[in-house]
Amino acid sequence: MQENARALADNLRSSGRFEVIGSDLEQLPLVAFRLAGKHAYDESDIAWQLSAERGWMVPHTPSRPTRRR
């Protein structure tokens, strides 16, 4: 399962559309991401689309914007 999570993270990262979060840490076989840049859609739209088109269960928790100092 870790291999699948790493492959998914690598593909998301290489698309240039996502920022993979915490991929350098030892973790459960999961991938956390956020959108890179501004788009007309958000992470909840992606979760809905994956559920509608592929039947995937994609938990979605909105993250707070990063504070800049």
N, C-alpha and C. Protein backbone atom coordinates (compact mmCIF):
# COMPACT_ATOMS: atom_id res chain seq x y z
N MET A 1 0.80 -1.19 0.00
CA MET A 1 0.00 0.00 0.00
C MET A 1 0.85 1.26 0.00
N GLN A 2 1.98 1.21 0.70
CA GLN A 2 2.87 2.38 0.71
C GLN A 2 3.34 2.70 -0.71
N GLU A 3 3.61 1.65 -1.48
CA GLU A 3 4.08 1.86 -2.85
C GLU A 3 3.01 2.57 -3.68
N ASN A 4 1.75 2.19 -3.50
CA ASN A 4 0.65 2.86 -4.20
C ASN A 4 0.54 4.32 -3.80
N ALA A 5 0.66 4.59 -2.49
CA ALA A 5 0.58 5.97 -2.01
C ALA A 5 1.72 6.80 -2.58
N ARG A 6 2.93 6.23 -2.61
CA ARG A 6 4.07 6.97 -3.18
C ARG A 6 3.88 7.24 -4.66
N ALA A 7 3.37 6.25 -5.40
CA ALA A 7 3.14 6.42 -6.84
C ALA A 7 2.10 7.51 -7.09
N LEU A 8 1.02 7.51 -6.31
CA LEU A 8 -0.01 8.53 -6.45
C LEU A 8 0.56 9.91 -6.14
N ALA A 9 1.31 10.00 -5.04
CA ALA A 9 1.92 11.28 -4.66
C ALA A 9 2.86 11.78 -5.76
N ASP A 10 3.67 10.90 -6.31
CA ASP A 10 4.60 11.30 -7.38
C ASP A 10 3.85 11.80 -8.60
N ASN A 11 2.76 11.12 -8.97
CA ASN A 11 1.98 11.55 -10.13
C ASN A 11 1.27 12.88 -9.89
N LEU A 12 0.73 13.07 -8.69
CA LEU A 12 0.10 14.36 -8.37
C LEU A 12 1.12 15.49 -8.44
N ARG A 13 2.29 15.25 -7.82
CA ARG A 13 3.34 16.27 -7.80
C ARG A 13 3.82 16.59 -9.21
N SER A 14 4.04 15.58 -10.03
CA SER A 14 4.59 15.81 -11.37
C SER A 14 3.58 16.48 -12.31
N SER A 15 2.29 16.45 -11.97
CA SER A 15 1.30 17.13 -12.80
C SER A 15 1.44 18.64 -12.71
N GLY A 16 2.05 19.13 -11.62
CA GLY A 16 2.21 20.56 -11.42
C GLY A 16 0.96 21.25 -10.90
N ARG A 17 -0.12 20.50 -10.72
CA ARG A 17 -1.38 21.09 -10.27
C ARG A 17 -1.62 20.94 -8.77
N PHE A 18 -0.81 20.11 -8.12
CA PHE A 18 -1.01 19.83 -6.71
C PHE A 18 0.28 19.99 -5.93
N GLU A 19 0.14 20.31 -4.64
CA GLU A 19 1.26 20.29 -3.70
C GLU A 19 0.99 19.11 -2.77
N VAL A 20 1.89 18.16 -2.73
CA VAL A 20 1.74 17.01 -1.84
C VAL A 20 2.25 17.42 -0.47
N ILE A 21 1.47 17.12 0.56
CA ILE A 21 1.77 17.57 1.92
C ILE A 21 2.32 16.41 2.74
N GLY A 22 3.49 16.59 3.36
CA GLY A 22 4.04 15.60 4.27
C GLY A 22 4.54 14.33 3.62
N SER A 23 4.85 14.36 2.33
CA SER A 23 5.27 13.13 1.65
C SER A 23 6.64 12.64 2.10
N ASP A 24 7.40 13.49 2.76
CA ASP A 24 8.73 13.10 3.23
C ASP A 24 8.69 12.44 4.61
N LEU A 25 7.50 12.34 5.20
CA LEU A 25 7.36 11.77 6.53
C LEU A 25 6.88 10.32 6.45
N GLU A 26 7.30 9.50 7.41
CA GLU A 26 6.77 8.14 7.50
C GLU A 26 5.30 8.25 7.87
N GLN A 27 4.45 7.57 7.15
CA GLN A 27 3.02 7.77 7.36
C GLN A 27 2.21 6.55 6.96
N LEU A 28 0.93 6.65 7.20
CA LEU A 28 -0.01 5.65 6.71
C LEU A 28 -0.02 5.72 5.19
N PRO A 29 -0.48 4.68 4.52
CA PRO A 29 -0.52 4.73 3.05
C PRO A 29 -1.65 5.63 2.55
N LEU A 30 -1.42 6.93 2.65
CA LEU A 30 -2.39 7.90 2.17
C LEU A 30 -1.65 9.08 1.57
N VAL A 31 -2.38 9.90 0.86
CA VAL A 31 -1.79 11.07 0.23
C VAL A 31 -2.62 12.28 0.60
N ALA A 32 -1.98 13.31 1.13
CA ALA A 32 -2.64 14.58 1.43
C ALA A 32 -2.12 15.60 0.44
N PHE A 33 -3.04 16.40 -0.09
CA PHE A 33 -2.63 17.39 -1.09
C PHE A 33 -3.49 18.63 -1.01
N ARG A 34 -3.01 19.68 -1.64
CA ARG A 34 -3.80 20.89 -1.86
C ARG A 34 -3.50 21.36 -3.27
N LEU A 35 -4.37 22.16 -3.82
CA LEU A 35 -4.16 22.67 -5.17
C LEU A 35 -3.03 23.69 -5.17
N ALA A 36 -2.23 23.65 -6.20
CA ALA A 36 -1.16 24.64 -6.38
C ALA A 36 -1.72 25.76 -7.24
N GLY A 37 -1.60 26.98 -6.79
CA GLY A 37 -2.10 28.11 -7.57
C GLY A 37 -3.59 28.31 -7.42
N LYS A 38 -4.12 29.25 -8.20
CA LYS A 38 -5.55 29.57 -8.15
C LYS A 38 -6.27 28.90 -9.30
N HIS A 39 -7.47 28.40 -9.00
CA HIS A 39 -8.28 27.69 -9.99
C HIS A 39 -9.74 28.05 -9.79
N ALA A 40 -10.56 27.74 -10.77
CA ALA A 40 -12.01 27.98 -10.67
C ALA A 40 -12.68 26.87 -9.86
N TYR A 41 -11.93 25.91 -9.37
CA TYR A 41 -12.44 24.79 -8.59
C TYR A 41 -11.56 24.62 -7.36
N ASP A 42 -12.04 23.83 -6.40
CA ASP A 42 -11.24 23.59 -5.19
C ASP A 42 -11.17 22.09 -4.90
N GLU A 43 -10.54 21.76 -3.78
CA GLU A 43 -10.33 20.35 -3.43
C GLU A 43 -11.64 19.59 -3.26
N SER A 44 -12.68 20.27 -2.75
CA SER A 44 -13.96 19.58 -2.59
C SER A 44 -14.57 19.22 -3.95
N ASP A 45 -14.33 20.05 -4.96
CA ASP A 45 -14.80 19.74 -6.32
C ASP A 45 -14.09 18.49 -6.86
N ILE A 46 -12.80 18.38 -6.58
CA ILE A 46 -12.04 17.21 -7.03
C ILE A 46 -12.55 15.95 -6.32
N ALA A 47 -12.78 16.05 -5.00
CA ALA A 47 -13.31 14.90 -4.25
C ALA A 47 -14.66 14.47 -4.81
N TRP A 48 -15.53 15.42 -5.12
CA TRP A 48 -16.84 15.10 -5.68
C TRP A 48 -16.70 14.42 -7.03
N GLN A 49 -15.83 14.96 -7.88
CA GLN A 49 -15.65 14.40 -9.23
C GLN A 49 -15.12 12.97 -9.17
N LEU A 50 -14.15 12.72 -8.29
CA LEU A 50 -13.62 11.36 -8.16
C LEU A 50 -14.68 10.39 -7.66
N SER A 51 -15.54 10.87 -6.77
CA SER A 51 -16.63 10.04 -6.28
C SER A 51 -17.66 9.76 -7.38
N ALA A 52 -18.03 10.79 -8.12
CA ALA A 52 -19.05 10.65 -9.16
C ALA A 52 -18.58 9.80 -10.33
N GLU A 53 -17.34 10.02 -10.76
CA GLU A 53 -16.85 9.34 -11.96
C GLU A 53 -16.26 7.96 -11.69
N ARG A 54 -15.62 7.80 -10.53
CA ARG A 54 -14.89 6.56 -10.28
C ARG A 54 -15.38 5.77 -9.08
N GLY A 55 -16.28 6.38 -8.29
CA GLY A 55 -16.76 5.71 -7.09
C GLY A 55 -15.77 5.72 -5.95
N TRP A 56 -14.75 6.58 -6.02
CA TRP A 56 -13.74 6.65 -4.98
C TRP A 56 -14.28 7.42 -3.78
N MET A 57 -13.90 6.98 -2.60
CA MET A 57 -14.23 7.72 -1.39
C MET A 57 -13.02 8.59 -1.06
N VAL A 58 -13.18 9.89 -1.21
CA VAL A 58 -12.08 10.82 -0.98
C VAL A 58 -12.48 11.76 0.15
N PRO A 59 -12.00 11.49 1.38
CA PRO A 59 -12.33 12.40 2.48
C PRO A 59 -11.81 13.80 2.17
N HIS A 60 -12.57 14.80 2.55
CA HIS A 60 -12.17 16.17 2.27
C HIS A 60 -12.34 17.01 3.53
N THR A 61 -11.27 17.63 3.94
CA THR A 61 -11.31 18.56 5.05
C THR A 61 -10.65 19.85 4.58
N PRO A 62 -11.41 20.93 4.50
CA PRO A 62 -10.80 22.18 4.06
C PRO A 62 -9.67 22.59 5.00
N SER A 63 -8.58 23.03 4.45
CA SER A 63 -7.47 23.48 5.28
C SER A 63 -7.50 25.00 5.37
N ARG A 64 -6.93 25.49 6.44
CA ARG A 64 -6.86 26.94 6.61
C ARG A 64 -5.80 27.49 5.67
N PRO A 65 -6.00 28.70 5.18
CA PRO A 65 -4.97 29.31 4.34
C PRO A 65 -3.66 29.45 5.11
N THR A 66 -2.55 29.31 4.41
CA THR A 66 -1.24 29.46 5.03
C THR A 66 -1.03 30.91 5.43
N ARG A 67 -0.60 31.11 6.67
CA ARG A 67 -0.31 32.48 7.13
C ARG A 67 1.06 32.89 6.63
N ARG A 68 1.14 34.04 6.10
CA ARG A 68 2.43 34.57 5.63
C ARG A 68 2.88 35.64 6.60
N ARG A 69 4.14 35.63 6.93
CA ARG A 69 4.69 36.63 7.86
C ARG A 69 5.54 37.60 7.12
